[in-house]
Amino acid sequence: MRTEEQKKLNELVMDCKSELLNHTLQSDIVSPHIKNINSYLDRCLAILQKDSGLANTRGVWVRNTRVTGESRENVLFFAYCISKWDTEFVNSMLGRILNQTEALDYLADALNVKVTTFRNYRDTFDSHVAQVRSSRQGWKKALNDEFKFIIDKYDGKSEQELITTGKEILLNGDNKPTDSIAKCAPENVENIEESIIHNPPTIEFVPDDISMFKKELLQTKLAQRTWYFQDGGTKKELWNASNFTEMSDIKANIKTNNTYRKWKEFKIVKVRIEVVR
């Protein structure tokens, strides 16, 4: 086998191991099947390195997107905040209305980390923080010291305090988004309040499939509306949907709500409608 081919195969194997480590967020692989895959990859690497003389550098298995030191703490900080306050944390910080995918893409790009890695970090926090705007279960596993440190450091702080911290992280150092996604961010922090009033609130359904949501609402006739405000505050209320029928337009119903129609006045960024089962 040619040296160039060996190098390419070596890189592919290391990428596979990187994905495995990102998936488990630890060096110890716990699933029997993943453990076998990890073992087979180790054997492949041993053969490649024996034939080509490539060094066994385990550190590069989490490739150049791996972050350490202060940069890693920043990634974990945002993962913690998204776990606790969901996408609205980013929207309040940026003054934009991003959906979950856009928000995660923005942060991953700004922090120079894979989206899958960032999402896994968020999911790791999920079962260990008091979630304000989400009911994700996340990964049910013990936290390592790094994650515990983040919780101990920030658990006593308000959302507004951490929004300020988040702005400082993104506006300083190297944690700035590339041109492809920078349009999501306001030109400066002072523009946030001005930009938010030009974006109608996003409407989020739980379950997120509209037809399923409508089917369940017709059965229970009860839902919970949660209003999310620019300052990070929320307001919950029950919706008695006894008059809701198969022919009703769910989005039109929400948009004609008195609170929704005053979204500019109240500075509402999102409304979440969840069927009460």
C-alpha atoms as a PDB file:
ATOM      1  CA  MET A   1       0.000   0.000   0.000  1.00  0.00           C
ATOM      2  CA  ARG A   2       1.294   3.464  -0.905  1.00  0.00           C
ATOM      3  CA  THR A   3       2.220   5.894   1.860  1.00  0.00           C
ATOM      4  CA  GLU A   4      -0.381   8.432   0.711  1.00  0.00           C
ATOM      5  CA  GLU A   5      -3.138   5.801   0.881  1.00  0.00           C
ATOM      6  CA  GLN A   6      -1.988   4.767   4.325  1.00  0.00           C
ATOM      7  CA  LYS A   7      -2.178   8.342   5.529  1.00  0.00           C
ATOM      8  CA  LYS A   8      -5.705   8.750   4.178  1.00  0.00           C
ATOM      9  CA  LEU A   9      -6.858   5.522   5.786  1.00  0.00           C
ATOM     10  CA  ASN A  10      -5.201   6.537   9.023  1.00  0.00           C
ATOM     11  CA  GLU A  11      -7.063   9.857   8.963  1.00  0.00           C
ATOM     12  CA  LEU A  12     -10.383   8.128   8.260  1.00  0.00           C
ATOM     13  CA  VAL A  13      -9.907   5.724  11.142  1.00  0.00           C
ATOM     14  CA  MET A  14      -9.031   8.601  13.458  1.00  0.00           C
ATOM     15  CA  ASP A  15     -12.119  10.483  12.304  1.00  0.00           C
ATOM     16  CA  CYS A  16     -14.217   7.428  13.166  1.00  0.00           C
ATOM     17  CA  LYS A  17     -12.701   7.320  16.627  1.00  0.00           C
ATOM     18  CA  SER A  18     -13.312  11.036  16.984  1.00  0.00           C
ATOM     19  CA  GLU A  19     -16.997  10.519  16.295  1.00  0.00           C
ATOM     20  CA  LEU A  20     -17.131   7.668  18.797  1.00  0.00           C
ATOM     21  CA  LEU A  21     -15.526   9.794  21.483  1.00  0.00           C
ATOM     22  CA  ASN A  22     -17.771  12.746  20.728  1.00  0.00           C
ATOM     23  CA  HIS A  23     -20.770  10.437  20.928  1.00  0.00           C
ATOM     24  CA  THR A  24     -19.896   9.119  24.352  1.00  0.00           C
ATOM     25  CA  LEU A  25     -18.178  12.306  25.589  1.00  0.00           C
ATOM     26  CA  GLN A  26     -15.596  10.196  27.350  1.00  0.00           C
ATOM     27  CA  SER A  27     -12.679   7.939  26.519  1.00  0.00           C
ATOM     28  CA  ASP A  28     -14.370   4.874  28.008  1.00  0.00           C
ATOM     29  CA  ILE A  29     -16.808   3.399  25.498  1.00  0.00           C
ATOM     30  CA  VAL A  30     -19.780   1.955  27.376  1.00  0.00           C
ATOM     31  CA  SER A  31     -21.964   0.324  24.704  1.00  0.00           C
ATOM     32  CA  PRO A  32     -20.838  -3.265  23.873  1.00  0.00           C
ATOM     33  CA  HIS A  33     -21.348  -2.666  20.152  1.00  0.00           C
ATOM     34  CA  ILE A  34     -19.497   0.653  20.131  1.00  0.00           C
ATOM     35  CA  LYS A  35     -16.780  -0.918  22.235  1.00  0.00           C
ATOM     36  CA  ASN A  36     -16.310  -3.582  19.561  1.00  0.00           C
ATOM     37  CA  ILE A  37     -16.144  -0.944  16.821  1.00  0.00           C
ATOM     38  CA  ASN A  38     -13.600   0.987  18.843  1.00  0.00           C
ATOM     39  CA  SER A  39     -11.546  -2.167  19.276  1.00  0.00           C
ATOM     40  CA  TYR A  40     -11.617  -2.949  15.536  1.00  0.00           C
ATOM     41  CA  LEU A  41     -10.497   0.595  14.731  1.00  0.00           C
ATOM     42  CA  ASP A  42      -7.627   0.239  17.183  1.00  0.00           C
ATOM     43  CA  ARG A  43      -6.531  -2.902  15.321  1.00  0.00           C
ATOM     44  CA  CYS A  44      -6.761  -1.078  11.991  1.00  0.00           C
ATOM     45  CA  LEU A  45      -4.650   1.753  13.347  1.00  0.00           C
ATOM     46  CA  ALA A  46      -2.070  -0.669  14.718  1.00  0.00           C
ATOM     47  CA  ILE A  47      -1.679  -2.296  11.284  1.00  0.00           C
ATOM     48  CA  LEU A  48      -1.469   1.062   9.487  1.00  0.00           C
ATOM     49  CA  GLN A  49       1.015   2.483  11.951  1.00  0.00           C
ATOM     50  CA  LYS A  50       3.147  -0.648  11.844  1.00  0.00           C
ATOM     51  CA  ASP A  51       3.323  -0.540   8.031  1.00  0.00           C
ATOM     52  CA  SER A  52       3.863   3.199   7.685  1.00  0.00           C
ATOM     53  CA  GLY A  53       5.696   4.107  10.854  1.00  0.00           C
ATOM     54  CA  LEU A  54       2.994   6.621  11.823  1.00  0.00           C
ATOM     55  CA  ALA A  55       3.077   7.583  15.466  1.00  0.00           C
ATOM     56  CA  ASN A  56       0.239   6.525  17.721  1.00  0.00           C
ATOM     57  CA  THR A  57      -0.986   9.966  18.700  1.00  0.00           C
ATOM     58  CA  ARG A  58      -4.201   9.317  20.544  1.00  0.00           C
ATOM     59  CA  GLY A  59      -4.644  13.020  21.172  1.00  0.00           C
ATOM     60  CA  VAL A  60      -5.566  13.661  17.542  1.00  0.00           C
ATOM     61  CA  TRP A  61      -8.452  11.227  17.572  1.00  0.00           C
ATOM     62  CA  VAL A  62     -10.558  14.153  18.633  1.00  0.00           C
ATOM     63  CA  ARG A  63      -9.340  16.188  15.697  1.00  0.00           C
ATOM     64  CA  ASN A  64      -8.523  19.851  15.374  1.00  0.00           C
ATOM     65  CA  THR A  65     -12.036  20.807  16.413  1.00  0.00           C
ATOM     66  CA  ARG A  66     -11.187  19.684  19.920  1.00  0.00           C
ATOM     67  CA  VAL A  67     -10.936  22.642  22.227  1.00  0.00           C
ATOM     68  CA  THR A  68      -9.042  22.973  25.482  1.00  0.00           C
ATOM     69  CA  GLY A  69      -8.511  25.447  28.285  1.00  0.00           C
ATOM     70  CA  GLU A  70     -10.507  28.673  28.216  1.00  0.00           C
ATOM     71  CA  SER A  71     -12.012  27.886  24.797  1.00  0.00           C
ATOM     72  CA  ARG A  72     -13.370  24.594  26.086  1.00  0.00           C
ATOM     73  CA  GLU A  73     -14.840  26.319  29.132  1.00  0.00           C
ATOM     74  CA  ASN A  74     -16.595  28.744  26.774  1.00  0.00           C
ATOM     75  CA  VAL A  75     -18.097  25.850  24.823  1.00  0.00           C
ATOM     76  CA  LEU A  76     -19.308  24.200  28.019  1.00  0.00           C
ATOM     77  CA  PHE A  77     -20.649  27.548  29.257  1.00  0.00           C
ATOM     78  CA  PHE A  78     -22.884  27.936  26.198  1.00  0.00           C
ATOM     79  CA  ALA A  79     -23.891  24.258  26.275  1.00  0.00           C
ATOM     80  CA  TYR A  80     -25.002  24.769  29.888  1.00  0.00           C
ATOM     81  CA  CYS A  81     -26.956  27.917  28.988  1.00  0.00           C
ATOM     82  CA  ILE A  82     -28.703  26.278  26.017  1.00  0.00           C
ATOM     83  CA  SER A  83     -29.558  23.275  28.175  1.00  0.00           C
ATOM     84  CA  LYS A  84     -31.109  25.507  30.825  1.00  0.00           C
ATOM     85  CA  TRP A  85     -32.743  28.279  28.754  1.00  0.00           C
ATOM     86  CA  ASP A  86     -32.953  26.692  25.302  1.00  0.00           C
ATOM     87  CA  THR A  87     -32.689  28.650  22.043  1.00  0.00           C
ATOM     88  CA  GLU A  88     -34.195  31.799  23.582  1.00  0.00           C
ATOM     89  CA  PHE A  89     -30.895  32.351  25.394  1.00  0.00           C
ATOM     90  CA  VAL A  90     -29.179  32.878  22.038  1.00  0.00           C
ATOM     91  CA  ASN A  91     -32.027  34.966  20.669  1.00  0.00           C
ATOM     92  CA  SER A  92     -31.989  37.269  23.697  1.00  0.00           C
ATOM     93  CA  MET A  93     -28.230  37.587  23.406  1.00  0.00           C
ATOM     94  CA  LEU A  94     -28.155  38.310  19.665  1.00  0.00           C
ATOM     95  CA  GLY A  95     -31.443  40.112  19.180  1.00  0.00           C
ATOM     96  CA  ARG A  96     -32.434  37.699  16.433  1.00  0.00           C
ATOM     97  CA  ILE A  97     -35.076  35.010  16.066  1.00  0.00           C
ATOM     98  CA  LEU A  98     -33.177  31.824  15.301  1.00  0.00           C
ATOM     99  CA  ASN A  99     -34.648  28.349  15.367  1.00  0.00           C
ATOM    100  CA  GLN A 100     -32.839  25.606  17.244  1.00  0.00           C
ATOM    101  CA  THR A 101     -30.758  24.463  14.262  1.00  0.00           C
ATOM    102  CA  GLU A 102     -29.691  28.011  13.413  1.00  0.00           C
ATOM    103  CA  ALA A 103     -28.815  28.789  17.029  1.00  0.00           C
ATOM    104  CA  LEU A 104     -26.683  25.666  17.444  1.00  0.00           C
ATOM    105  CA  ASP A 105     -24.998  26.263  14.072  1.00  0.00           C
ATOM    106  CA  TYR A 106     -24.231  29.843  15.077  1.00  0.00           C
ATOM    107  CA  LEU A 107     -22.645  28.884  18.402  1.00  0.00           C
ATOM    108  CA  ALA A 108     -20.719  25.930  16.977  1.00  0.00           C
ATOM    109  CA  ASP A 109     -19.304  28.165  14.264  1.00  0.00           C
ATOM    110  CA  ALA A 110     -18.480  30.988  16.689  1.00  0.00           C
ATOM    111  CA  LEU A 111     -16.798  28.578  19.123  1.00  0.00           C
ATOM    112  CA  ASN A 112     -15.009  26.535  16.441  1.00  0.00           C
ATOM    113  CA  VAL A 113     -16.494  23.217  17.480  1.00  0.00           C
ATOM    114  CA  LYS A 114     -18.580  20.593  15.688  1.00  0.00           C
ATOM    115  CA  VAL A 115     -22.336  21.028  15.952  1.00  0.00           C
ATOM    116  CA  THR A 116     -22.691  17.379  16.960  1.00  0.00           C
ATOM    117  CA  THR A 117     -20.137  17.854  19.725  1.00  0.00           C
ATOM    118  CA  PHE A 118     -21.847  20.986  21.000  1.00  0.00           C
ATOM    119  CA  ARG A 119     -25.248  19.270  20.931  1.00  0.00           C
ATOM    120  CA  ASN A 120     -23.843  16.304  22.853  1.00  0.00           C
ATOM    121  CA  TYR A 121     -22.433  18.639  25.497  1.00  0.00           C
ATOM    122  CA  ARG A 122     -25.832  20.313  25.834  1.00  0.00           C
ATOM    123  CA  ASP A 123     -27.519  16.917  26.129  1.00  0.00           C
ATOM    124  CA  THR A 124     -25.032  15.935  28.825  1.00  0.00           C
ATOM    125  CA  PHE A 125     -26.122  18.888  30.955  1.00  0.00           C
ATOM    126  CA  ASP A 126     -29.850  18.272  30.359  1.00  0.00           C
ATOM    127  CA  SER A 127     -30.504  15.809  33.160  1.00  0.00           C
ATOM    128  CA  HIS A 128     -28.375  17.767  35.643  1.00  0.00           C
ATOM    129  CA  VAL A 129     -29.721  21.316  35.360  1.00  0.00           C
ATOM    130  CA  ALA A 130     -33.089  22.848  36.219  1.00  0.00           C
ATOM    131  CA  GLN A 131     -34.387  23.382  32.685  1.00  0.00           C
ATOM    132  CA  VAL A 132     -36.504  26.488  32.293  1.00  0.00           C
ATOM    133  CA  ARG A 133     -37.740  26.163  28.714  1.00  0.00           C
ATOM    134  CA  SER A 134     -37.237  22.561  27.761  1.00  0.00           C
ATOM    135  CA  SER A 135     -38.174  19.073  28.834  1.00  0.00           C
ATOM    136  CA  ARG A 136     -35.317  17.229  27.113  1.00  0.00           C
ATOM    137  CA  GLN A 137     -34.098  14.172  28.977  1.00  0.00           C
ATOM    138  CA  GLY A 138     -30.578  14.279  27.537  1.00  0.00           C
ATOM    139  CA  TRP A 139     -27.857  11.824  28.484  1.00  0.00           C
ATOM    140  CA  LYS A 140     -28.427  10.144  31.815  1.00  0.00           C
ATOM    141  CA  LYS A 141     -24.825   9.722  32.887  1.00  0.00           C
ATOM    142  CA  ALA A 142     -22.582  10.965  35.651  1.00  0.00           C
ATOM    143  CA  LEU A 143     -20.846  14.275  34.955  1.00  0.00           C
ATOM    144  CA  ASN A 144     -17.099  14.610  34.848  1.00  0.00           C
ATOM    145  CA  ASP A 145     -15.311  17.361  36.765  1.00  0.00           C
ATOM    146  CA  GLU A 146     -15.387  19.826  33.857  1.00  0.00           C
ATOM    147  CA  PHE A 147     -19.173  19.742  33.611  1.00  0.00           C
ATOM    148  CA  LYS A 148     -19.561  19.886  37.395  1.00  0.00           C
ATOM    149  CA  PHE A 149     -17.290  22.936  37.483  1.00  0.00           C
ATOM    150  CA  ILE A 150     -19.537  24.782  34.991  1.00  0.00           C
ATOM    151  CA  ILE A 151     -22.684  23.995  36.988  1.00  0.00           C
ATOM    152  CA  ASP A 152     -21.069  25.079  40.260  1.00  0.00           C
ATOM    153  CA  LYS A 153     -19.786  28.282  38.670  1.00  0.00           C
ATOM    154  CA  TYR A 154     -22.992  29.428  36.947  1.00  0.00           C
ATOM    155  CA  ASP A 155     -25.959  27.784  38.687  1.00  0.00           C
ATOM    156  CA  GLY A 156     -26.491  30.711  41.044  1.00  0.00           C
ATOM    157  CA  LYS A 157     -26.479  33.344  38.304  1.00  0.00           C
ATOM    158  CA  SER A 158     -29.509  34.774  36.509  1.00  0.00           C
ATOM    159  CA  GLU A 159     -30.140  34.378  32.803  1.00  0.00           C
ATOM    160  CA  GLN A 160     -29.514  38.076  32.234  1.00  0.00           C
ATOM    161  CA  GLU A 161     -26.117  37.854  33.945  1.00  0.00           C
ATOM    162  CA  LEU A 162     -25.128  34.944  31.728  1.00  0.00           C
ATOM    163  CA  ILE A 163     -26.445  36.682  28.594  1.00  0.00           C
ATOM    164  CA  THR A 164     -24.004  39.492  29.425  1.00  0.00           C
ATOM    165  CA  THR A 165     -21.218  36.931  29.907  1.00  0.00           C
ATOM    166  CA  GLY A 166     -22.124  35.286  26.600  1.00  0.00           C
ATOM    167  CA  LYS A 167     -21.957  38.597  24.735  1.00  0.00           C
ATOM    168  CA  GLU A 168     -18.521  39.287  26.204  1.00  0.00           C
ATOM    169  CA  ILE A 169     -17.257  35.867  25.088  1.00  0.00           C
ATOM    170  CA  LEU A 170     -18.523  36.327  21.527  1.00  0.00           C
ATOM    171  CA  LEU A 171     -17.386  39.927  21.175  1.00  0.00           C
ATOM    172  CA  ASN A 172     -13.871  39.279  22.485  1.00  0.00           C
ATOM    173  CA  GLY A 173     -11.068  36.936  21.552  1.00  0.00           C
ATOM    174  CA  ASP A 174     -11.343  34.515  18.647  1.00  0.00           C
ATOM    175  CA  ASN A 175     -14.879  33.338  19.317  1.00  0.00           C
ATOM    176  CA  LYS A 176     -16.494  35.207  16.418  1.00  0.00           C
ATOM    177  CA  PRO A 177     -18.640  33.640  13.696  1.00  0.00           C
ATOM    178  CA  THR A 178     -17.512  33.381  10.091  1.00  0.00           C
ATOM    179  CA  ASP A 179     -19.056  35.511   7.351  1.00  0.00           C
ATOM    180  CA  SER A 180     -21.442  32.727   6.334  1.00  0.00           C
ATOM    181  CA  ILE A 181     -23.352  33.011   9.577  1.00  0.00           C
ATOM    182  CA  ALA A 182     -22.353  36.403  10.956  1.00  0.00           C
ATOM    183  CA  LYS A 183     -25.521  37.907   9.519  1.00  0.00           C
ATOM    184  CA  CYS A 184     -27.368  36.284  12.414  1.00  0.00           C
ATOM    185  CA  ALA A 185     -25.666  38.652  14.872  1.00  0.00           C
ATOM    186  CA  PRO A 186     -26.445  42.341  15.307  1.00  0.00           C
ATOM    187  CA  GLU A 187     -23.704  44.797  14.328  1.00  0.00           C
ATOM    188  CA  ASN A 188     -23.256  45.695  17.978  1.00  0.00           C
ATOM    189  CA  VAL A 189     -24.819  44.968  21.324  1.00  0.00           C
ATOM    190  CA  GLU A 190     -26.771  48.240  21.359  1.00  0.00           C
ATOM    191  CA  ASN A 191     -28.786  47.134  18.304  1.00  0.00           C
ATOM    192  CA  ILE A 192     -30.396  44.207  20.093  1.00  0.00           C
ATOM    193  CA  GLU A 193     -33.532  45.934  21.354  1.00  0.00           C
ATOM    194  CA  GLU A 194     -34.056  47.708  18.029  1.00  0.00           C
ATOM    195  CA  SER A 195     -33.710  44.550  15.952  1.00  0.00           C
ATOM    196  CA  ILE A 196     -35.971  42.379  18.081  1.00  0.00           C
ATOM    197  CA  ILE A 197     -39.084  44.477  17.493  1.00  0.00           C
ATOM    198  CA  HIS A 198     -38.996  43.852  13.750  1.00  0.00           C
ATOM    199  CA  ASN A 199     -39.304  40.062  14.097  1.00  0.00           C
ATOM    200  CA  PRO A 200     -42.699  38.496  14.873  1.00  0.00           C
ATOM    201  CA  PRO A 201     -42.570  35.846  17.606  1.00  0.00           C
ATOM    202  CA  THR A 202     -41.816  32.321  16.507  1.00  0.00           C
ATOM    203  CA  ILE A 203     -44.485  29.735  17.257  1.00  0.00           C
ATOM    204  CA  GLU A 204     -43.352  26.394  18.627  1.00  0.00           C
ATOM    205  CA  PHE A 205     -45.622  23.384  19.022  1.00  0.00           C
ATOM    206  CA  VAL A 206     -45.214  20.377  21.309  1.00  0.00           C
ATOM    207  CA  PRO A 207     -45.439  17.886  19.714  1.00  0.00           C
ATOM    208  CA  ASP A 208     -43.734  19.716  16.849  1.00  0.00           C
ATOM    209  CA  ASP A 209     -45.646  17.911  14.095  1.00  0.00           C
ATOM    210  CA  ILE A 210     -48.675  20.139  13.421  1.00  0.00           C
ATOM    211  CA  SER A 211     -51.028  17.301  12.487  1.00  0.00           C
ATOM    212  CA  MET A 212     -50.041  15.341  15.614  1.00  0.00           C
ATOM    213  CA  PHE A 213     -50.384  18.451  17.754  1.00  0.00           C
ATOM    214  CA  LYS A 214     -53.860  19.111  16.384  1.00  0.00           C
ATOM    215  CA  LYS A 215     -54.899  15.488  16.880  1.00  0.00           C
ATOM    216  CA  GLU A 216     -53.801  15.500  20.528  1.00  0.00           C
ATOM    217  CA  LEU A 217     -55.356  18.899  21.206  1.00  0.00           C
ATOM    218  CA  LEU A 218     -58.695  17.690  19.847  1.00  0.00           C
ATOM    219  CA  GLN A 219     -58.518  14.833  22.343  1.00  0.00           C
ATOM    220  CA  THR A 220     -57.457  16.759  25.452  1.00  0.00           C
ATOM    221  CA  LYS A 221     -58.916  20.224  24.646  1.00  0.00           C
ATOM    222  CA  LEU A 222     -56.232  21.714  26.900  1.00  0.00           C
ATOM    223  CA  ALA A 223     -52.811  23.209  26.196  1.00  0.00           C
ATOM    224  CA  GLN A 224     -50.233  25.338  27.959  1.00  0.00           C
ATOM    225  CA  ARG A 225     -49.052  28.567  26.350  1.00  0.00           C
ATOM    226  CA  THR A 226     -45.628  29.841  27.360  1.00  0.00           C
ATOM    227  CA  TRP A 227     -44.651  33.357  26.303  1.00  0.00           C
ATOM    228  CA  TYR A 228     -40.959  34.183  26.063  1.00  0.00           C
ATOM    229  CA  PHE A 229     -39.888  37.807  26.374  1.00  0.00           C
ATOM    230  CA  GLN A 230     -36.827  39.680  25.174  1.00  0.00           C
ATOM    231  CA  ASP A 231     -35.539  40.195  28.706  1.00  0.00           C
ATOM    232  CA  GLY A 232     -35.479  36.444  29.298  1.00  0.00           C
ATOM    233  CA  GLY A 233     -38.729  36.338  31.283  1.00  0.00           C
ATOM    234  CA  THR A 234     -41.562  33.886  30.654  1.00  0.00           C
ATOM    235  CA  LYS A 235     -45.275  33.711  31.314  1.00  0.00           C
ATOM    236  CA  LYS A 236     -47.303  30.507  31.374  1.00  0.00           C
ATOM    237  CA  GLU A 237     -51.043  30.173  30.959  1.00  0.00           C
ATOM    238  CA  LEU A 238     -53.528  27.406  30.251  1.00  0.00           C
ATOM    239  CA  TRP A 239     -55.513  27.445  27.039  1.00  0.00           C
ATOM    240  CA  ASN A 240     -59.003  25.976  27.241  1.00  0.00           C
ATOM    241  CA  ALA A 241     -59.461  24.725  23.684  1.00  0.00           C
ATOM    242  CA  SER A 242     -63.012  23.445  24.112  1.00  0.00           C
ATOM    243  CA  ASN A 243     -64.095  25.396  21.007  1.00  0.00           C
ATOM    244  CA  PHE A 244     -61.237  24.053  18.903  1.00  0.00           C
ATOM    245  CA  THR A 245     -62.462  21.806  16.063  1.00  0.00           C
ATOM    246  CA  GLU A 246     -61.056  19.744  13.219  1.00  0.00           C
ATOM    247  CA  MET A 247     -61.636  22.707  10.891  1.00  0.00           C
ATOM    248  CA  SER A 248     -59.823  25.239  13.107  1.00  0.00           C
ATOM    249  CA  ASP A 249     -56.635  26.874  11.863  1.00  0.00           C
ATOM    250  CA  ILE A 250     -54.184  26.456  14.733  1.00  0.00           C
ATOM    251  CA  LYS A 251     -51.740  29.200  13.666  1.00  0.00           C
ATOM    252  CA  ALA A 252     -54.509  31.671  12.918  1.00  0.00           C
ATOM    253  CA  ASN A 253     -55.968  30.894  16.342  1.00  0.00           C
ATOM    254  CA  ILE A 254     -52.680  31.793  18.028  1.00  0.00           C
ATOM    255  CA  LYS A 255     -52.005  34.914  15.939  1.00  0.00           C
ATOM    256  CA  THR A 256     -55.401  36.374  16.797  1.00  0.00           C
ATOM    257  CA  ASN A 257     -54.722  35.955  20.510  1.00  0.00           C
ATOM    258  CA  ASN A 258     -54.709  39.355  22.271  1.00  0.00           C
ATOM    259  CA  THR A 259     -51.268  38.799  23.773  1.00  0.00           C
ATOM    260  CA  TYR A 260     -49.743  37.717  20.473  1.00  0.00           C
ATOM    261  CA  ARG A 261     -51.173  40.744  18.668  1.00  0.00           C
ATOM    262  CA  LYS A 262     -49.339  42.973  21.163  1.00  0.00           C
ATOM    263  CA  TRP A 263     -45.994  41.228  20.698  1.00  0.00           C
ATOM    264  CA  LYS A 264     -44.160  44.462  19.881  1.00  0.00           C
ATOM    265  CA  GLU A 265     -45.515  46.191  22.966  1.00  0.00           C
ATOM    266  CA  PHE A 266     -44.705  43.240  25.219  1.00  0.00           C
ATOM    267  CA  LYS A 267     -41.431  42.434  23.377  1.00  0.00           C
ATOM    268  CA  ILE A 268     -42.362  38.783  22.890  1.00  0.00           C
ATOM    269  CA  VAL A 269     -39.825  36.640  21.034  1.00  0.00           C
ATOM    270  CA  LYS A 270     -41.579  33.276  21.050  1.00  0.00           C
ATOM    271  CA  VAL A 271     -44.686  31.432  22.100  1.00  0.00           C
ATOM    272  CA  ARG A 272     -44.581  27.726  22.903  1.00  0.00           C
ATOM    273  CA  ILE A 273     -47.830  25.741  22.800  1.00  0.00           C
ATOM    274  CA  GLU A 274     -47.749  22.347  24.491  1.00  0.00           C
ATOM    275  CA  VAL A 275     -50.652  19.931  24.675  1.00  0.00           C
ATOM    276  CA  VAL A 276     -51.535  19.039  28.256  1.00  0.00           C
ATOM    277  CA  ARG A 277     -51.883  15.251  28.278  1.00  0.00           C
END
